[in-house]
Amino acid sequence: MTGPSENSQGMARPGKGGWQVAVLGGGAWGTALALAMLRAGHKVRLFARDPETVAAIGQGQNPRYLPGIAIAPGIEATSDIAAALSGADCVLAVTPAQSLRATLTAAKDHIPGGIPLVLCAKGIERDTGALLSAIVEEILPRNPVAALSGPSFATDVARGLPTAVVVAARDEALAVDLAARFSAENLRCYSSDDLIGVEIGGALKNVFAIAAGAVTGAGLGASAQAAMVTRGFVELRRIGAAFGARPETLMGLSGLGDLLLTCSSAQSRNFAYGLALGQGKALAGLALAEGVPTAAIAARIAAERGIDAPIIAAVAAILDGAITIRQAVTGLMTRPLKTETND
């Protein structure tokens, strides 16, 4: 590959050929995206903290996170973050939302200035209420930030099954460029300049997935689940509007599309968490559900801004042990009646 060039804004751009892509995170989604980048014609280095995961990927598997899925050769896995970032033309940050700040702090001295950093995790920072793009802009002010989101399960992407996502950046030209570079035969990437809208949709759908799983686990019926998801989308739109998200973004892949997928399958870690919660099962040992920390901060943000978000508030209260699922449902069903479209 020829060396990077710069566009008129001083942003690093590669020459002809594929990029050198650094993937930060060796979990299911990080490994799946590394495979997707490989299929799109890029060279890929993947950083994982766990030496066993690094060794396993080198042997063509990741049994801890993607059991039964063959990992194609060509991904260079390492537990050395400096080595993973060396010469990178683009960075995909796939670490969990609540550890993003620590990861970027450790990586910042090794990330070349000007190259795009693409957020691939979903959530809101629990301690500060910051969207993930704000964390990037604070720690890496010289690097343009983008986000990749949409209805996608890691196992589907890893297997190369047809999937559509959206890539967003405030700079529309950057979003278009990234979407084109990331797209491959079975991964279709749309572009958007509504970065905040894409982030909000991805973060909040996890909270509603916990609610959907809990309703299902408690045996409250498909009708209750459908009502919860639909009214949840209303809350998503309310909070999105408060942050300046565009309605059409929330109606798209990263909003409604991701909400529908995540609220309908136990493949979703958040739905699975809610399912166990509704069934009264032990929650220890379950896969990370990013909606758990997001629920509390989303409920706080809604309360502080005067946004009516009763489902989010109920999920936060259930997770905090303040109310039961049955009490939450009773509270939601006995709220004052109003017209459906009265926001």
Protein backbone atom coordinates (compact mmCIF):
# COMPACT_ATOMS: atom_id res chain seq x y z
CA MET A 1 0.00 0.00 0.00
CA THR A 2 1.30 3.45 -0.80
CA GLY A 3 1.65 5.93 2.02
CA PRO A 4 -1.14 8.15 3.34
CA SER A 5 -1.92 11.43 1.66
CA GLU A 6 -3.84 14.37 3.10
CA ASN A 7 -7.08 15.95 1.96
CA SER A 8 -7.74 19.69 1.93
CA GLN A 9 -8.67 19.62 5.63
CA GLY A 10 -5.37 18.06 6.66
CA MET A 11 -7.00 14.67 7.38
CA ALA A 12 -4.78 11.68 6.68
CA ARG A 13 -5.88 9.73 3.63
CA PRO A 14 -4.30 6.57 2.25
CA GLY A 15 -3.06 6.19 -1.26
CA LYS A 16 -4.51 3.64 -3.64
CA GLY A 17 -5.26 0.20 -2.29
CA GLY A 18 -6.68 -1.04 1.00
CA TRP A 19 -6.26 0.59 4.35
CA GLN A 20 -4.35 -0.64 7.37
CA VAL A 21 -7.23 -0.96 9.86
CA ALA A 22 -6.69 -1.29 13.60
CA VAL A 23 -9.49 -2.98 15.54
CA LEU A 24 -9.47 -2.34 19.29
CA GLY A 25 -11.33 -5.21 20.93
CA GLY A 26 -11.12 -8.97 20.53
CA GLY A 27 -14.66 -9.87 21.57
CA ALA A 28 -17.38 -11.17 19.27
CA TRP A 29 -18.11 -7.82 17.59
CA GLY A 30 -14.47 -6.82 17.28
CA THR A 31 -13.56 -10.15 15.68
CA ALA A 32 -16.58 -10.01 13.37
CA LEU A 33 -15.69 -6.50 12.21
CA ALA A 34 -12.07 -7.53 11.69
CA LEU A 35 -13.34 -10.24 9.36
CA ALA A 36 -15.59 -7.73 7.61
CA MET A 37 -12.65 -5.37 7.05
CA LEU A 38 -10.60 -8.25 5.69
CA ARG A 39 -13.37 -9.06 3.20
CA ALA A 40 -13.48 -5.40 2.18
CA GLY A 41 -9.85 -5.63 1.11
CA HIS A 42 -8.08 -4.05 4.08
CA LYS A 43 -5.12 -5.22 6.10
CA VAL A 44 -6.24 -5.78 9.68
CA ARG A 45 -4.54 -5.74 13.05
CA LEU A 46 -6.68 -6.60 16.07
CA PHE A 47 -5.84 -5.65 19.64
CA ALA A 48 -7.10 -7.90 22.45
CA ARG A 49 -6.05 -7.75 26.09
CA ASP A 50 -6.36 -11.50 26.59
CA PRO A 51 -3.29 -13.40 25.29
CA GLU A 52 -5.39 -16.56 24.93
CA THR A 53 -7.78 -14.75 22.57
CA VAL A 54 -4.81 -13.46 20.57
CA ALA A 55 -3.38 -16.96 20.30
CA ALA A 56 -6.74 -18.46 19.35
CA ILE A 57 -7.34 -15.92 16.56
CA GLY A 58 -3.88 -16.73 15.24
CA GLN A 59 -5.03 -20.34 15.02
CA GLY A 60 -8.20 -19.46 13.13
CA GLN A 61 -10.77 -19.37 15.92
CA ASN A 62 -12.15 -17.36 18.81
CA PRO A 63 -13.94 -20.02 20.87
CA ARG A 64 -14.59 -17.73 23.83
CA TYR A 65 -16.60 -15.20 21.85
CA LEU A 66 -17.44 -16.78 18.48
CA PRO A 67 -17.55 -20.52 19.08
CA GLY A 68 -17.84 -22.68 15.99
CA ILE A 69 -16.94 -19.90 13.54
CA ALA A 70 -13.75 -20.21 11.52
CA ILE A 71 -11.58 -17.09 11.52
CA ALA A 72 -10.11 -16.54 8.07
CA PRO A 73 -6.32 -16.10 7.93
CA GLY A 74 -5.03 -12.58 7.51
CA ILE A 75 -6.00 -10.96 10.82
CA GLU A 76 -2.90 -10.04 12.78
CA ALA A 77 -3.91 -10.29 16.45
CA THR A 78 -1.77 -8.80 19.20
CA SER A 79 -1.96 -7.82 22.87
CA ASP A 80 0.41 -4.91 22.20
CA ILE A 81 -1.75 -1.85 21.58
CA ALA A 82 1.13 0.14 20.10
CA ALA A 83 1.81 -2.62 17.57
CA ALA A 84 -1.89 -2.83 16.68
CA LEU A 85 -2.03 0.91 15.95
CA SER A 86 1.29 1.24 14.16
CA GLY A 87 0.76 2.68 10.68
CA ALA A 88 -3.03 2.57 10.97
CA ASP A 89 -5.12 4.49 8.44
CA CYS A 90 -8.31 3.97 10.48
CA VAL A 91 -9.20 2.74 13.97
CA LEU A 92 -12.33 0.82 14.90
CA ALA A 93 -13.01 1.18 18.63
CA VAL A 94 -14.96 -1.94 19.60
CA THR A 95 -14.35 -1.99 23.35
CA PRO A 96 -17.44 -1.71 25.61
CA ALA A 97 -18.80 1.80 26.06
CA GLN A 98 -17.94 1.97 29.75
CA SER A 99 -14.27 1.14 29.11
CA LEU A 100 -13.84 3.36 26.03
CA ARG A 101 -12.26 6.23 27.97
CA ALA A 102 -9.63 3.96 29.53
CA THR A 103 -8.87 2.29 26.19
CA LEU A 104 -8.45 5.57 24.33
CA THR A 105 -6.32 7.01 27.12
CA ALA A 106 -3.99 4.03 26.80
CA ALA A 107 -4.00 4.27 23.01
CA LYS A 108 -3.84 8.02 22.40
CA ASP A 109 -0.06 8.28 22.13
CA HIS A 110 -0.05 5.56 19.47
CA ILE A 111 -2.94 6.71 17.25
CA PRO A 112 -1.68 8.71 14.25
CA GLY A 113 -3.13 12.21 14.17
CA GLY A 114 -5.83 12.94 11.63
CA ILE A 115 -6.97 9.40 10.95
CA PRO A 116 -10.64 8.58 11.62
CA LEU A 117 -11.70 6.74 14.74
CA VAL A 118 -14.91 4.78 14.23
CA LEU A 119 -17.04 3.96 17.26
CA CYS A 120 -18.49 0.46 17.03
CA ALA A 121 -19.77 0.06 20.60
CA LYS A 122 -23.07 1.52 21.79
CA GLY A 123 -23.84 3.28 25.01
CA ILE A 124 -23.65 6.41 27.15
CA GLU A 125 -20.86 6.87 29.68
CA ARG A 126 -22.38 6.09 33.05
CA ASP A 127 -20.35 8.48 35.20
CA THR A 128 -20.56 11.58 32.99
CA GLY A 129 -23.60 11.10 30.73
CA ALA A 130 -21.34 11.75 27.74
CA LEU A 131 -22.01 10.25 24.34
CA LEU A 132 -19.07 8.21 23.09
CA SER A 133 -18.20 10.71 20.37
CA ALA A 134 -17.71 13.37 23.06
CA ILE A 135 -15.17 11.11 24.78
CA VAL A 136 -13.24 10.72 21.54
CA GLU A 137 -13.29 14.47 20.92
CA GLU A 138 -11.98 15.07 24.44
CA ILE A 139 -9.13 12.55 24.32
CA LEU A 140 -8.30 12.65 20.59
CA PRO A 141 -9.16 16.16 19.43
CA ARG A 142 -7.06 15.77 16.26
CA ASN A 143 -8.91 12.68 15.04
CA PRO A 144 -12.27 12.85 13.24
CA VAL A 145 -14.88 10.63 14.88
CA ALA A 146 -17.44 8.40 13.19
CA ALA A 147 -19.79 5.64 14.29
CA LEU A 148 -20.84 2.34 12.76
CA SER A 149 -24.23 1.06 13.90
CA GLY A 150 -27.29 -0.82 12.76
CA PRO A 151 -29.16 -4.14 13.06
CA SER A 152 -26.30 -6.60 13.14
CA PHE A 153 -25.40 -9.64 15.19
CA ALA A 154 -21.71 -10.46 15.43
CA THR A 155 -22.26 -14.08 14.40
CA ASP A 156 -24.07 -13.00 11.22
CA VAL A 157 -21.33 -10.56 10.24
CA ALA A 158 -18.60 -13.06 11.11
CA ARG A 159 -20.22 -15.67 8.87
CA GLY A 160 -20.56 -13.18 6.04
CA LEU A 161 -24.36 -13.18 6.07
CA PRO A 162 -26.10 -10.22 4.40
CA THR A 163 -26.14 -7.23 6.76
CA ALA A 164 -26.83 -3.51 6.38
CA VAL A 165 -25.46 -0.85 8.73
CA VAL A 166 -24.95 2.90 8.73
CA VAL A 167 -21.68 4.80 9.08
CA ALA A 168 -22.09 8.33 10.44
CA ALA A 169 -19.79 11.31 10.83
CA ARG A 170 -20.39 15.04 11.10
CA ASP A 171 -18.30 15.42 7.95
CA GLU A 172 -20.59 14.00 5.28
CA ALA A 173 -17.66 13.36 2.90
CA LEU A 174 -15.92 11.30 5.56
CA ALA A 175 -19.07 9.26 6.21
CA VAL A 176 -19.46 8.56 2.49
CA ASP A 177 -15.80 7.59 2.19
CA LEU A 178 -15.90 5.25 5.19
CA ALA A 179 -19.14 3.62 4.07
CA ALA A 180 -17.64 2.92 0.65
CA ARG A 181 -14.42 1.53 2.09
CA PHE A 182 -16.16 -0.72 4.64
CA SER A 183 -18.75 -2.16 2.25
CA ALA A 184 -18.23 -5.65 0.86
CA GLU A 185 -20.33 -8.27 -0.89
CA ASN A 186 -22.42 -9.08 2.19
CA LEU A 187 -21.98 -5.87 4.19
CA ARG A 188 -23.83 -2.85 2.84
CA CYS A 189 -22.91 0.41 4.54
CA TYR A 190 -25.11 3.49 4.21
CA SER A 191 -23.72 6.91 5.15
CA SER A 192 -25.13 9.65 7.38
CA ASP A 193 -23.97 12.99 8.72
CA ASP A 194 -26.24 12.66 11.79
CA LEU A 195 -23.63 11.28 14.18
CA ILE A 196 -25.64 12.10 17.31
CA GLY A 197 -28.79 10.46 15.96
CA VAL A 198 -26.92 7.25 15.16
CA GLU A 199 -25.32 7.22 18.61
CA ILE A 200 -28.60 7.82 20.46
CA GLY A 201 -30.41 5.06 18.58
CA GLY A 202 -27.65 2.56 19.24
CA ALA A 203 -27.38 3.39 22.93
CA LEU A 204 -31.06 3.45 23.88
CA LYS A 205 -32.15 0.37 21.95
CA ASN A 206 -30.15 -1.69 24.46
CA VAL A 207 -32.33 -0.43 27.31
CA PHE A 208 -35.52 -1.36 25.46
CA ALA A 209 -34.07 -4.77 24.61
CA ILE A 210 -33.72 -5.46 28.34
CA ALA A 211 -37.35 -4.43 28.78
CA ALA A 212 -38.47 -6.67 25.90
CA GLY A 213 -36.57 -9.61 27.32
CA ALA A 214 -38.01 -9.03 30.79
CA VAL A 215 -41.58 -8.89 29.45
CA THR A 216 -41.00 -12.12 27.54
CA GLY A 217 -39.30 -13.83 30.47
CA ALA A 218 -42.11 -12.87 32.81
CA GLY A 219 -44.64 -14.46 30.45
CA LEU A 220 -46.61 -11.27 29.89
CA GLY A 221 -47.39 -12.09 26.26
CA ALA A 222 -46.53 -10.99 22.76
CA SER A 223 -49.04 -8.14 22.89
CA ALA A 224 -47.29 -6.59 25.89
CA GLN A 225 -43.93 -6.98 24.19
CA ALA A 226 -45.13 -5.29 21.00
CA ALA A 227 -46.63 -2.41 22.98
CA MET A 228 -43.43 -1.99 24.97
CA VAL A 229 -41.22 -1.87 21.87
CA THR A 230 -43.53 0.58 20.11
CA ARG A 231 -43.80 2.93 23.06
CA GLY A 232 -40.10 2.52 23.66
CA PHE A 233 -39.48 3.89 20.20
CA VAL A 234 -41.54 6.95 21.14
CA GLU A 235 -39.20 7.53 24.09
CA LEU A 236 -36.19 7.05 21.85
CA ARG A 237 -37.53 9.76 19.53
CA ARG A 238 -38.16 12.12 22.44
CA ILE A 239 -34.65 11.80 23.81
CA GLY A 240 -33.16 11.88 20.34
CA ALA A 241 -34.97 15.14 19.59
CA ALA A 242 -33.59 16.67 22.79
CA PHE A 243 -30.07 15.86 21.59
CA GLY A 244 -30.73 17.20 18.11
CA ALA A 245 -31.07 13.85 16.34
CA ARG A 246 -33.02 13.89 13.08
CA PRO A 247 -36.29 11.91 13.03
CA GLU A 248 -35.38 10.16 9.78
CA THR A 249 -32.18 8.85 11.37
CA LEU A 250 -34.12 7.31 14.25
CA MET A 251 -36.50 5.72 11.72
CA GLY A 252 -33.55 4.12 9.95
CA LEU A 253 -31.13 1.26 10.45
CA SER A 254 -29.40 2.62 13.55
CA GLY A 255 -32.69 3.45 15.29
CA LEU A 256 -35.83 1.49 14.49
CA GLY A 257 -33.94 -1.22 12.59
CA ASP A 258 -31.58 -1.97 15.46
CA LEU A 259 -34.41 -1.70 17.98
CA LEU A 260 -36.50 -4.33 16.18
CA LEU A 261 -33.61 -6.78 15.88
CA THR A 262 -32.37 -6.37 19.43
CA CYS A 263 -35.83 -6.65 20.98
CA SER A 264 -36.73 -9.86 19.20
CA SER A 265 -33.95 -12.38 19.71
CA ALA A 266 -32.01 -14.00 22.53
CA GLN A 267 -28.93 -13.56 20.32
CA SER A 268 -29.01 -10.03 21.71
CA ARG A 269 -27.08 -9.94 24.97
CA ASN A 270 -29.42 -7.24 26.29
CA PHE A 271 -32.56 -9.21 25.41
CA ALA A 272 -31.00 -12.33 26.96
CA TYR A 273 -30.22 -10.36 30.13
CA GLY A 274 -33.80 -9.12 30.34
CA LEU A 275 -35.10 -12.62 29.65
CA ALA A 276 -33.14 -14.03 32.58
CA LEU A 277 -34.31 -11.11 34.72
CA GLY A 278 -37.94 -11.80 33.85
CA GLN A 279 -37.54 -15.50 34.55
CA GLY A 280 -35.98 -14.80 37.93
CA LYS A 281 -32.72 -16.51 36.99
CA ALA A 282 -29.29 -15.64 38.30
CA LEU A 283 -27.69 -12.81 36.35
CA ALA A 284 -24.10 -13.43 37.38
CA GLY A 285 -22.01 -14.79 34.58
CA LEU A 286 -24.21 -13.51 31.76
CA ALA A 287 -22.57 -11.80 28.80
CA LEU A 288 -22.03 -8.06 29.13
CA ALA A 289 -25.29 -6.16 28.59
CA GLU A 290 -24.43 -2.54 27.82
CA GLY A 291 -28.05 -1.54 28.43
CA VAL A 292 -27.58 -2.08 32.17
CA PRO A 293 -25.32 0.95 32.81
CA THR A 294 -26.99 2.91 30.02
CA ALA A 295 -30.45 2.56 31.61
CA ALA A 296 -29.45 4.42 34.77
CA ILE A 297 -27.77 7.33 33.00
CA ALA A 298 -30.52 7.56 30.35
CA ALA A 299 -33.17 7.74 33.09
CA ARG A 300 -31.20 10.48 34.81
CA ILE A 301 -30.76 12.46 31.59
CA ALA A 302 -34.48 12.18 30.82
CA ALA A 303 -35.42 13.33 34.32
CA GLU A 304 -32.99 16.27 34.24
CA ARG A 305 -34.28 17.42 30.85
CA GLY A 306 -37.94 16.90 31.69
CA ILE A 307 -38.39 14.20 29.04
CA ASP A 308 -41.22 11.74 29.59
CA ALA A 309 -39.52 8.30 29.42
CA PRO A 310 -41.46 5.95 31.70
CA ILE A 311 -40.12 2.71 30.17
CA ILE A 312 -36.52 3.79 30.58
CA ALA A 313 -37.25 4.89 34.15
CA ALA A 314 -38.93 1.55 34.87
CA VAL A 315 -36.00 -0.46 33.49
CA ALA A 316 -33.56 1.57 35.59
CA ALA A 317 -35.70 1.01 38.71
CA ILE A 318 -35.98 -2.75 38.04
CA LEU A 319 -32.22 -3.07 37.57
CA ASP A 320 -31.68 -1.10 40.77
CA GLY A 321 -33.98 -3.47 42.64
CA ALA A 322 -36.42 -0.69 43.53
CA ILE A 323 -39.44 -2.33 41.85
CA THR A 324 -40.42 -5.69 40.36
CA ILE A 325 -41.30 -6.29 36.73
CA ARG A 326 -44.97 -6.75 37.66
CA GLN A 327 -44.97 -3.48 39.58
CA ALA A 328 -43.35 -1.73 36.62
CA VAL A 329 -45.97 -3.06 34.21
CA THR A 330 -48.79 -2.06 36.55
CA GLY A 331 -47.34 1.42 36.81
CA LEU A 332 -47.05 1.75 33.04
CA MET A 333 -50.58 0.44 32.43
CA THR A 334 -52.17 2.81 34.93
CA ARG A 335 -50.53 6.01 33.71
CA PRO A 336 -52.98 8.77 32.74
CA LEU A 337 -54.61 8.15 29.38
CA LYS A 338 -53.79 10.42 26.44
CA THR A 339 -53.78 10.37 22.66
CA GLU A 340 -51.18 8.09 21.08
CA THR A 341 -49.47 10.88 19.18
CA ASN A 342 -49.31 13.30 22.09
CA ASP A 343 -45.57 13.62 22.70
